């Protein structure tokens, strides 16, 4: 699940995504999917859908953020 990133520290995002440590997070532009792959566990999970993704990074708090071609910046949130 994703939502627009904000600078508000009181939102419902985790401060770090330690549960994704060792996972390769990547986007499939054609399918609009954001996924994570772990070679050791031989597992791939879908994290959500983001249209027109251009970059996947970590912000200054270690949270995963995704930039889009429309200028939006979204972050991964836990349900």
PDB file of N, CA and C in Angstrom:
ATOM      1  N   UNK A   1       0.839  -1.156   0.000  1.00  0.00           N
ATOM      2  CA  UNK A   1       0.000   0.000   0.000  1.00  0.00           C
ATOM      3  C   UNK A   1       0.897   1.235   0.000  1.00  0.00           C
ATOM      4  N   UNK A   2       0.468   2.277  -0.690  1.00  0.00           N
ATOM      5  CA  UNK A   2       1.267   3.479  -0.809  1.00  0.00           C
ATOM      6  C   UNK A   2       0.429   4.704  -0.487  1.00  0.00           C
ATOM      7  N   UNK A   3       1.080   5.766  -0.078  1.00  0.00           N
ATOM      8  CA  UNK A   3       0.424   7.057   0.072  1.00  0.00           C
ATOM      9  C   UNK A   3       1.440   8.134  -0.227  1.00  0.00           C
ATOM     10  N   UNK A   4       0.947   9.351  -0.512  1.00  0.00           N
ATOM     11  CA  UNK A   4       1.854  10.460  -0.784  1.00  0.00           C
ATOM     12  C   UNK A   4       2.738  10.699   0.422  1.00  0.00           C
ATOM     13  N   UNK A   5       4.007  10.913   0.166  1.00  0.00           N
ATOM     14  CA  UNK A   5       4.959  11.155   1.249  1.00  0.00           C
ATOM     15  C   UNK A   5       4.717  12.535   1.836  1.00  0.00           C
ATOM     16  N   UNK A   6       4.948  12.663   3.124  1.00  0.00           N
ATOM     17  CA  UNK A   6       4.809  13.953   3.788  1.00  0.00           C
ATOM     18  C   UNK A   6       5.963  14.141   4.741  1.00  0.00           C
ATOM     19  N   UNK A   7       6.124  15.359   5.193  1.00  0.00           N
ATOM     20  CA  UNK A   7       7.178  15.627   6.166  1.00  0.00           C
ATOM     21  C   UNK A   7       6.662  15.494   7.594  1.00  0.00           C
ATOM     22  N   UNK A   8       5.388  15.164   7.755  1.00  0.00           N
ATOM     23  CA  UNK A   8       4.780  15.020   9.079  1.00  0.00           C
ATOM     24  C   UNK A   8       5.290  13.752   9.751  1.00  0.00           C
ATOM     25  N   UNK A   9       5.901  13.897  10.899  1.00  0.00           N
ATOM     26  CA  UNK A   9       6.439  12.727  11.601  1.00  0.00           C
ATOM     27  C   UNK A   9       5.363  11.971  12.371  1.00  0.00           C
ATOM     28  N   UNK A  10       4.120  12.465  12.381  1.00  0.00           N
ATOM     29  CA  UNK A  10       3.051  11.808  13.119  1.00  0.00           C
ATOM     30  C   UNK A  10       2.165  10.957  12.223  1.00  0.00           C
ATOM     31  N   UNK A  11       2.622  10.607  11.029  1.00  0.00           N
ATOM     32  CA  UNK A  11       1.795   9.773  10.165  1.00  0.00           C
ATOM     33  C   UNK A  11       1.986   8.305  10.514  1.00  0.00           C
ATOM     34  N   UNK A  12       1.297   7.415   9.755  1.00  0.00           N
ATOM     35  CA  UNK A  12       1.268   6.003  10.130  1.00  0.00           C
ATOM     36  C   UNK A  12       2.357   5.161   9.476  1.00  0.00           C
ATOM     37  N   UNK A  13       3.391   5.783   8.920  1.00  0.00           N
ATOM     38  CA  UNK A  13       4.480   5.012   8.324  1.00  0.00           C
ATOM     39  C   UNK A  13       5.406   4.475   9.405  1.00  0.00           C
ATOM     40  N   UNK A  14       6.031   3.356   9.086  1.00  0.00           N
ATOM     41  CA  UNK A  14       7.082   2.854   9.983  1.00  0.00           C
ATOM     42  C   UNK A  14       8.306   3.738   9.804  1.00  0.00           C
ATOM     43  N   UNK A  15       9.079   3.940  10.839  1.00  0.00           N
ATOM     44  CA  UNK A  15      10.249   4.797  10.723  1.00  0.00           C
ATOM     45  C   UNK A  15      11.371   4.113   9.946  1.00  0.00           C
ATOM     46  N   UNK A  16      11.373   2.803   9.916  1.00  0.00           N
ATOM     47  CA  UNK A  16      12.356   2.048   9.129  1.00  0.00           C
ATOM     48  C   UNK A  16      11.676   0.787   8.617  1.00  0.00           C
ATOM     49  N   UNK A  17      12.184   0.270   7.525  1.00  0.00           N
ATOM     50  CA  UNK A  17      11.644  -0.967   6.952  1.00  0.00           C
ATOM     51  C   UNK A  17      12.657  -2.087   7.156  1.00  0.00           C
ATOM     52  N   UNK A  18      12.980  -2.342   8.413  1.00  0.00           N
ATOM     53  CA  UNK A  18      13.973  -3.368   8.726  1.00  0.00           C
ATOM     54  C   UNK A  18      13.544  -4.751   8.251  1.00  0.00           C
ATOM     55  N   UNK A  19      12.230  -4.983   8.134  1.00  0.00           N
ATOM     56  CA  UNK A  19      11.761  -6.282   7.666  1.00  0.00           C
ATOM     57  C   UNK A  19      12.087  -6.509   6.191  1.00  0.00           C
ATOM     58  N   UNK A  20      12.497  -5.457   5.475  1.00  0.00           N
ATOM     59  CA  UNK A  20      12.912  -5.606   4.075  1.00  0.00           C
ATOM     60  C   UNK A  20      14.436  -5.660   3.937  1.00  0.00           C
ATOM     61  N   UNK A  21      15.167  -5.700   5.040  1.00  0.00           N
ATOM     62  CA  UNK A  21      16.622  -5.791   4.979  1.00  0.00           C
ATOM     63  C   UNK A  21      17.011  -7.061   4.228  1.00  0.00           C
ATOM     64  N   UNK A  22      17.888  -6.937   3.239  1.00  0.00           N
ATOM     65  CA  UNK A  22      18.311  -8.083   2.440  1.00  0.00           C
ATOM     66  C   UNK A  22      17.424  -8.312   1.224  1.00  0.00           C
ATOM     67  N   UNK A  23      16.397  -7.513   1.069  1.00  0.00           N
ATOM     68  CA  UNK A  23      15.494  -7.625  -0.074  1.00  0.00           C
ATOM     69  C   UNK A  23      15.866  -6.585  -1.121  1.00  0.00           C
ATOM     70  N   UNK A  24      15.755  -6.944  -2.395  1.00  0.00           N
ATOM     71  CA  UNK A  24      15.966  -6.029  -3.504  1.00  0.00           C
ATOM     72  C   UNK A  24      14.593  -5.487  -3.903  1.00  0.00           C
ATOM     73  N   UNK A  25      14.369  -4.196  -3.709  1.00  0.00           N
ATOM     74  CA  UNK A  25      13.088  -3.570  -4.045  1.00  0.00           C
ATOM     75  C   UNK A  25      13.202  -2.986  -5.452  1.00  0.00           C
ATOM     76  N   UNK A  26      12.227  -3.301  -6.298  1.00  0.00           N
ATOM     77  CA  UNK A  26      12.292  -2.861  -7.687  1.00  0.00           C
ATOM     78  C   UNK A  26      10.895  -2.600  -8.236  1.00  0.00           C
ATOM     79  N   UNK A  27      10.858  -1.853  -9.331  1.00  0.00           N
ATOM     80  CA  UNK A  27       9.591  -1.542  -9.970  1.00  0.00           C
ATOM     81  C   UNK A  27       9.529  -2.095 -11.376  1.00  0.00           C
ATOM     82  N   UNK A  28       8.355  -2.552 -11.767  1.00  0.00           N
ATOM     83  CA  UNK A  28       8.069  -2.980 -13.133  1.00  0.00           C
ATOM     84  C   UNK A  28       7.195  -1.885 -13.739  1.00  0.00           C
ATOM     85  N   UNK A  29       7.788  -1.051 -14.584  1.00  0.00           N
ATOM     86  CA  UNK A  29       7.091   0.106 -15.127  1.00  0.00           C
ATOM     87  C   UNK A  29       5.882  -0.309 -15.959  1.00  0.00           C
ATOM     88  N   UNK A  30       6.020  -1.340 -16.768  1.00  0.00           N
ATOM     89  CA  UNK A  30       4.910  -1.774 -17.629  1.00  0.00           C
ATOM     90  C   UNK A  30       3.733  -2.303 -16.815  1.00  0.00           C
ATOM     91  N   UNK A  31       4.005  -3.094 -15.795  1.00  0.00           N
ATOM     92  CA  UNK A  31       2.943  -3.664 -14.964  1.00  0.00           C
ATOM     93  C   UNK A  31       2.548  -2.725 -13.820  1.00  0.00           C
ATOM     94  N   UNK A  32       3.306  -1.641 -13.614  1.00  0.00           N
ATOM     95  CA  UNK A  32       3.087  -0.656 -12.546  1.00  0.00           C
ATOM     96  C   UNK A  32       3.263  -1.252 -11.149  1.00  0.00           C
ATOM     97  N   UNK A  33       3.963  -2.380 -11.023  1.00  0.00           N
ATOM     98  CA  UNK A  33       4.136  -3.065  -9.742  1.00  0.00           C
ATOM     99  C   UNK A  33       5.439  -2.660  -9.055  1.00  0.00           C
ATOM    100  N   UNK A  34       5.384  -2.543  -7.736  1.00  0.00           N
ATOM    101  CA  UNK A  34       6.576  -2.423  -6.910  1.00  0.00           C
ATOM    102  C   UNK A  34       6.684  -3.747  -6.162  1.00  0.00           C
ATOM    103  N   UNK A  35       7.835  -4.393  -6.285  1.00  0.00           N
ATOM    104  CA  UNK A  35       8.030  -5.711  -5.678  1.00  0.00           C
ATOM    105  C   UNK A  35       9.335  -5.745  -4.910  1.00  0.00           C
ATOM    106  N   UNK A  36       9.495  -6.780  -4.116  1.00  0.00           N
ATOM    107  CA  UNK A  36      10.741  -7.011  -3.383  1.00  0.00           C
ATOM    108  C   UNK A  36      11.128  -8.469  -3.578  1.00  0.00           C
ATOM    109  N   UNK A  37      12.420  -8.701  -3.809  1.00  0.00           N
ATOM    110  CA  UNK A  37      12.925 -10.047  -4.066  1.00  0.00           C
ATOM    111  C   UNK A  37      14.040 -10.361  -3.074  1.00  0.00           C
ATOM    112  N   UNK A  38      14.013 -11.568  -2.536  1.00  0.00           N
ATOM    113  CA  UNK A  38      15.066 -12.031  -1.649  1.00  0.00           C
ATOM    114  C   UNK A  38      15.664 -13.294  -2.253  1.00  0.00           C
ATOM    115  N   UNK A  39      16.904 -13.179  -2.725  1.00  0.00           N
ATOM    116  CA  UNK A  39      17.573 -14.292  -3.398  1.00  0.00           C
ATOM    117  C   UNK A  39      17.789 -15.463  -2.447  1.00  0.00           C
ATOM    118  N   UNK A  40      18.188 -15.173  -1.203  1.00  0.00           N
ATOM    119  CA  UNK A  40      18.483 -16.239  -0.237  1.00  0.00           C
ATOM    120  C   UNK A  40      17.217 -17.034   0.085  1.00  0.00           C
ATOM    121  N   UNK A  41      16.114 -16.337   0.322  1.00  0.00           N
ATOM    122  CA  UNK A  41      14.857 -17.007   0.642  1.00  0.00           C
ATOM    123  C   UNK A  41      14.120 -17.501  -0.597  1.00  0.00           C
ATOM    124  N   UNK A  42      14.617 -17.106  -1.770  1.00  0.00           N
ATOM    125  CA  UNK A  42      13.981 -17.432  -3.052  1.00  0.00           C
ATOM    126  C   UNK A  42      12.504 -17.046  -3.021  1.00  0.00           C
ATOM    127  N   UNK A  43      12.281 -15.774  -2.667  1.00  0.00           N
ATOM    128  CA  UNK A  43      10.922 -15.283  -2.507  1.00  0.00           C
ATOM    129  C   UNK A  43      10.781 -13.896  -3.128  1.00  0.00           C
ATOM    130  N   UNK A  44       9.651 -13.648  -3.753  1.00  0.00           N
ATOM    131  CA  UNK A  44       9.309 -12.335  -4.280  1.00  0.00           C
ATOM    132  C   UNK A  44       7.928 -11.961  -3.774  1.00  0.00           C
ATOM    133  N   UNK A  45       7.781 -10.733  -3.288  1.00  0.00           N
ATOM    134  CA  UNK A  45       6.488 -10.250  -2.812  1.00  0.00           C
ATOM    135  C   UNK A  45       6.139  -8.950  -3.530  1.00  0.00           C
ATOM    136  N   UNK A  46       4.862  -8.761  -3.789  1.00  0.00           N
ATOM    137  CA  UNK A  46       4.381  -7.516  -4.378  1.00  0.00           C
ATOM    138  C   UNK A  46       4.064  -6.548  -3.252  1.00  0.00           C
ATOM    139  N   UNK A  47       4.617  -5.329  -3.346  1.00  0.00           N
ATOM    140  CA  UNK A  47       4.380  -4.315  -2.329  1.00  0.00           C
ATOM    141  C   UNK A  47       3.219  -3.399  -2.697  1.00  0.00           C
ATOM    142  N   UNK A  48       2.913  -3.289  -3.980  1.00  0.00           N
ATOM    143  CA  UNK A  48       1.812  -2.427  -4.401  1.00  0.00           C
ATOM    144  C   UNK A  48       1.950  -1.986  -5.831  1.00  0.00           C
ATOM    145  N   UNK A  49       1.075  -1.069  -6.220  1.00  0.00           N
ATOM    146  CA  UNK A  49       1.015  -0.565  -7.590  1.00  0.00           C
ATOM    147  C   UNK A  49       1.266   0.939  -7.570  1.00  0.00           C
ATOM    148  N   UNK A  50       2.197   1.398  -8.412  1.00  0.00           N
ATOM    149  CA  UNK A  50       2.479   2.821  -8.578  1.00  0.00           C
ATOM    150  C   UNK A  50       2.664   3.074 -10.066  1.00  0.00           C
ATOM    151  N   UNK A  51       1.821   3.944 -10.621  1.00  0.00           N
ATOM    152  CA  UNK A  51       1.905   4.265 -12.046  1.00  0.00           C
ATOM    153  C   UNK A  51       3.061   5.226 -12.305  1.00  0.00           C
ATOM    154  N   UNK A  52       3.722   5.046 -13.417  1.00  0.00           N
ATOM    155  CA  UNK A  52       4.768   5.942 -13.915  1.00  0.00           C
ATOM    156  C   UNK A  52       5.907   6.170 -12.926  1.00  0.00           C
ATOM    157  N   UNK A  53       6.345   5.114 -12.248  1.00  0.00           N
ATOM    158  CA  UNK A  53       7.442   5.198 -11.282  1.00  0.00           C
ATOM    159  C   UNK A  53       8.752   5.516 -11.991  1.00  0.00           C
ATOM    160  N   UNK A  54       9.557   6.358 -11.390  1.00  0.00           N
ATOM    161  CA  UNK A  54      10.844   6.712 -11.992  1.00  0.00           C
ATOM    162  C   UNK A  54      12.025   6.387 -11.090  1.00  0.00           C
ATOM    163  N   UNK A  55      11.795   6.329  -9.768  1.00  0.00           N
ATOM    164  CA  UNK A  55      12.898   6.099  -8.842  1.00  0.00           C
ATOM    165  C   UNK A  55      12.380   5.514  -7.536  1.00  0.00           C
ATOM    166  N   UNK A  56      13.149   4.607  -6.958  1.00  0.00           N
ATOM    167  CA  UNK A  56      12.853   4.047  -5.639  1.00  0.00           C
ATOM    168  C   UNK A  56      14.071   4.323  -4.772  1.00  0.00           C
ATOM    169  N   UNK A  57      13.862   5.014  -3.673  1.00  0.00           N
ATOM    170  CA  UNK A  57      14.959   5.418  -2.794  1.00  0.00           C
ATOM    171  C   UNK A  57      14.542   5.257  -1.341  1.00  0.00           C
ATOM    172  N   UNK A  58      15.474   5.557  -0.445  1.00  0.00           N
ATOM    173  CA  UNK A  58      15.176   5.660   0.991  1.00  0.00           C
ATOM    174  C   UNK A  58      15.353   7.123   1.376  1.00  0.00           C
ATOM    175  N   UNK A  59      14.441   7.624   2.219  1.00  0.00           N
ATOM    176  CA  UNK A  59      14.574   9.008   2.657  1.00  0.00           C
ATOM    177  C   UNK A  59      15.500   9.091   3.869  1.00  0.00           C
ATOM    178  N   UNK A  60      15.607  10.273   4.458  1.00  0.00           N
ATOM    179  CA  UNK A  60      16.532  10.488   5.575  1.00  0.00           C
ATOM    180  C   UNK A  60      16.161   9.687   6.821  1.00  0.00           C
ATOM    181  N   UNK A  61      14.928   9.151   6.883  1.00  0.00           N
ATOM    182  CA  UNK A  61      14.521   8.315   8.015  1.00  0.00           C
ATOM    183  C   UNK A  61      14.614   6.829   7.693  1.00  0.00           C
ATOM    184  N   UNK A  62      15.073   6.500   6.478  1.00  0.00           N
ATOM    185  CA  UNK A  62      15.205   5.105   6.093  1.00  0.00           C
ATOM    186  C   UNK A  62      13.935   4.519   5.498  1.00  0.00           C
ATOM    187  N   UNK A  63      12.930   5.355   5.247  1.00  0.00           N
ATOM    188  CA  UNK A  63      11.675   4.872   4.679  1.00  0.00           C
ATOM    189  C   UNK A  63      11.774   4.816   3.159  1.00  0.00           C
ATOM    190  N   UNK A  64      11.096   3.845   2.576  1.00  0.00           N
ATOM    191  CA  UNK A  64      11.116   3.682   1.124  1.00  0.00           C
ATOM    192  C   UNK A  64      10.166   4.693   0.502  1.00  0.00           C
ATOM    193  N   UNK A  65      10.689   5.481  -0.441  1.00  0.00           N
ATOM    194  CA  UNK A  65       9.876   6.445  -1.171  1.00  0.00           C
ATOM    195  C   UNK A  65      10.034   6.206  -2.667  1.00  0.00           C
ATOM    196  N   UNK A  66       8.970   6.474  -3.417  1.00  0.00           N
ATOM    197  CA  UNK A  66       8.956   6.238  -4.853  1.00  0.00           C
ATOM    198  C   UNK A  66       8.567   7.527  -5.549  1.00  0.00           C
ATOM    199  N   UNK A  67       9.404   7.985  -6.475  1.00  0.00           N
ATOM    200  CA  UNK A  67       9.099   9.170  -7.272  1.00  0.00           C
ATOM    201  C   UNK A  67       8.407   8.731  -8.555  1.00  0.00           C
ATOM    202  N   UNK A  68       7.484   9.556  -9.025  1.00  0.00           N
ATOM    203  CA  UNK A  68       6.762   9.247 -10.257  1.00  0.00           C
ATOM    204  C   UNK A  68       7.011  10.318 -11.302  1.00  0.00           C
ATOM    205  N   UNK A  69       6.710   9.998 -12.547  1.00  0.00           N
ATOM    206  CA  UNK A  69       6.902  10.930 -13.653  1.00  0.00           C
ATOM    207  C   UNK A  69       5.964  12.131 -13.556  1.00  0.00           C
ATOM    208  N   UNK A  70       4.905  12.030 -12.770  1.00  0.00           N
ATOM    209  CA  UNK A  70       3.967  13.143 -12.602  1.00  0.00           C
ATOM    210  C   UNK A  70       4.414  14.096 -11.504  1.00  0.00           C
ATOM    211  N   UNK A  71       5.535  13.794 -10.837  1.00  0.00           N
ATOM    212  CA  UNK A  71       6.053  14.655  -9.786  1.00  0.00           C
ATOM    213  C   UNK A  71       5.634  14.254  -8.389  1.00  0.00           C
ATOM    214  N   UNK A  72       4.810  13.218  -8.262  1.00  0.00           N
ATOM    215  CA  UNK A  72       4.405  12.747  -6.944  1.00  0.00           C
ATOM    216  C   UNK A  72       5.525  11.939  -6.297  1.00  0.00           C
ATOM    217  N   UNK A  73       5.575  11.972  -4.978  1.00  0.00           N
ATOM    218  CA  UNK A  73       6.472  11.121  -4.212  1.00  0.00           C
ATOM    219  C   UNK A  73       5.586  10.362  -3.241  1.00  0.00           C
ATOM    220  N   UNK A  74       5.611   9.028  -3.338  1.00  0.00           N
ATOM    221  CA  UNK A  74       4.780   8.193  -2.477  1.00  0.00           C
ATOM    222  C   UNK A  74       5.673   7.330  -1.603  1.00  0.00           C
ATOM    223  N   UNK A  75       5.138   6.891  -0.470  1.00  0.00           N
ATOM    224  CA  UNK A  75       5.915   6.047   0.442  1.00  0.00           C
ATOM    225  C   UNK A  75       5.162   4.774   0.746  1.00  0.00           C
ATOM    226  N   UNK A  76       5.915   3.760   1.107  1.00  0.00           N
ATOM    227  CA  UNK A  76       5.335   2.476   1.487  1.00  0.00           C
ATOM    228  C   UNK A  76       4.762   2.600   2.883  1.00  0.00           C
ATOM    229  N   UNK A  77       3.511   2.174   3.082  1.00  0.00           N
ATOM    230  CA  UNK A  77       2.893   2.176   4.407  1.00  0.00           C
ATOM    231  C   UNK A  77       2.421   0.766   4.720  1.00  0.00           C
ATOM    232  N   UNK A  78       2.333   0.487   5.985  1.00  0.00           N
ATOM    233  CA  UNK A  78       1.838  -0.820   6.417  1.00  0.00           C
ATOM    234  C   UNK A  78       0.353  -0.737   6.649  1.00  0.00           C
ATOM    235  N   UNK A  79      -0.404  -1.783   6.250  1.00  0.00           N
ATOM    236  CA  UNK A  79      -1.856  -1.766   6.466  1.00  0.00           C
ATOM    237  C   UNK A  79      -2.209  -1.784   7.937  1.00  0.00           C
TER     238      UNK A  79
END
